[in-house]
């Protein structure tokens, strides 16, 4: 098996797969690669781990944003003018 090497395109593909609500076809088109190329990337454990880390980070940031928004709205409602 070939050694996996990161490139800017592979990093962008990992980010897009983890964080953007797009299909493989849309991602492939945006990156100017084929769907087969994305499938080949996904055969790498290293690539998949990075997609997982990025997705977890994105979900954590989204959750923190929602919690902060909820708490700030709650404080405003409890505020007496």
Protein backbone atom coordinates (compact mmCIF):
# COMPACT_ATOMS: atom_id res chain seq x y z
CA UNK A 1 0.00 0.00 0.00
CA UNK A 2 1.21 3.51 -0.83
CA UNK A 3 2.13 5.88 1.97
CA UNK A 4 -0.46 8.62 2.43
CA UNK A 5 0.93 12.13 1.95
CA UNK A 6 -0.99 15.26 2.80
CA UNK A 7 -1.48 17.95 0.16
CA UNK A 8 -3.47 21.19 0.35
CA UNK A 9 -6.20 19.56 -1.76
CA UNK A 10 -6.42 16.55 0.57
CA UNK A 11 -6.64 18.85 3.60
CA UNK A 12 -9.43 20.83 1.93
CA UNK A 13 -11.23 17.59 1.03
CA UNK A 14 -11.00 16.42 4.65
CA UNK A 15 -12.41 19.73 5.88
CA UNK A 16 -15.23 19.71 3.33
CA UNK A 17 -16.19 16.11 4.13
CA UNK A 18 -16.24 16.88 7.85
CA UNK A 19 -17.82 20.31 7.95
CA UNK A 20 -19.76 21.14 4.81
CA UNK A 21 -23.20 19.73 3.95
CA UNK A 22 -22.23 18.62 0.45
CA UNK A 23 -22.28 15.36 -1.45
CA UNK A 24 -19.11 13.68 -2.66
CA UNK A 25 -20.04 14.76 -6.18
CA UNK A 26 -20.28 18.40 -5.10
CA UNK A 27 -17.02 18.22 -3.15
CA UNK A 28 -15.25 16.56 -6.06
CA UNK A 29 -16.48 19.28 -8.42
CA UNK A 30 -15.38 22.05 -6.03
CA UNK A 31 -11.91 20.49 -5.74
CA UNK A 32 -11.64 19.63 -9.43
CA UNK A 33 -11.13 15.91 -8.71
CA UNK A 34 -13.22 12.81 -9.35
CA UNK A 35 -15.46 11.06 -6.85
CA UNK A 36 -13.08 8.11 -7.24
CA UNK A 37 -10.25 10.31 -5.97
CA UNK A 38 -12.27 11.15 -2.85
CA UNK A 39 -12.98 7.46 -2.37
CA UNK A 40 -9.24 6.79 -2.65
CA UNK A 41 -8.56 9.40 0.04
CA UNK A 42 -11.09 7.68 2.31
CA UNK A 43 -9.13 4.43 2.08
CA UNK A 44 -6.45 6.02 4.25
CA UNK A 45 -6.79 5.62 8.00
CA UNK A 46 -4.87 8.86 8.49
CA UNK A 47 -7.30 10.76 6.25
CA UNK A 48 -10.32 9.28 8.04
CA UNK A 49 -8.91 10.16 11.46
CA UNK A 50 -8.45 13.76 10.33
CA UNK A 51 -12.02 13.91 9.01
CA UNK A 52 -13.20 12.60 12.39
CA UNK A 53 -11.15 15.15 14.33
CA UNK A 54 -12.39 18.01 12.16
CA UNK A 55 -16.01 16.90 12.49
CA UNK A 56 -15.68 16.60 16.28
CA UNK A 57 -14.12 20.06 16.53
CA UNK A 58 -16.81 21.58 14.30
CA UNK A 59 -19.57 19.94 16.34
CA UNK A 60 -18.02 21.12 19.61
CA UNK A 61 -17.76 24.71 18.32
CA UNK A 62 -21.33 24.59 17.06
CA UNK A 63 -22.56 23.32 20.42
CA UNK A 64 -20.58 25.97 22.32
CA UNK A 65 -22.03 28.67 20.06
CA UNK A 66 -25.57 27.45 20.64
CA UNK A 67 -25.06 27.28 24.40
CA UNK A 68 -23.54 30.77 24.50
CA UNK A 69 -26.41 32.14 22.40
CA UNK A 70 -28.98 30.45 24.63
CA UNK A 71 -27.37 31.78 27.80
CA UNK A 72 -27.04 35.32 26.45
CA UNK A 73 -30.71 35.34 25.41
CA UNK A 74 -31.70 33.99 28.80
CA UNK A 75 -29.77 36.77 30.58
CA UNK A 76 -31.48 39.39 28.40
CA UNK A 77 -34.92 38.00 29.24
CA UNK A 78 -34.15 38.07 32.97
CA UNK A 79 -32.86 41.63 32.81
CA UNK A 80 -35.13 44.37 34.15
CA UNK A 81 -34.90 47.76 32.54
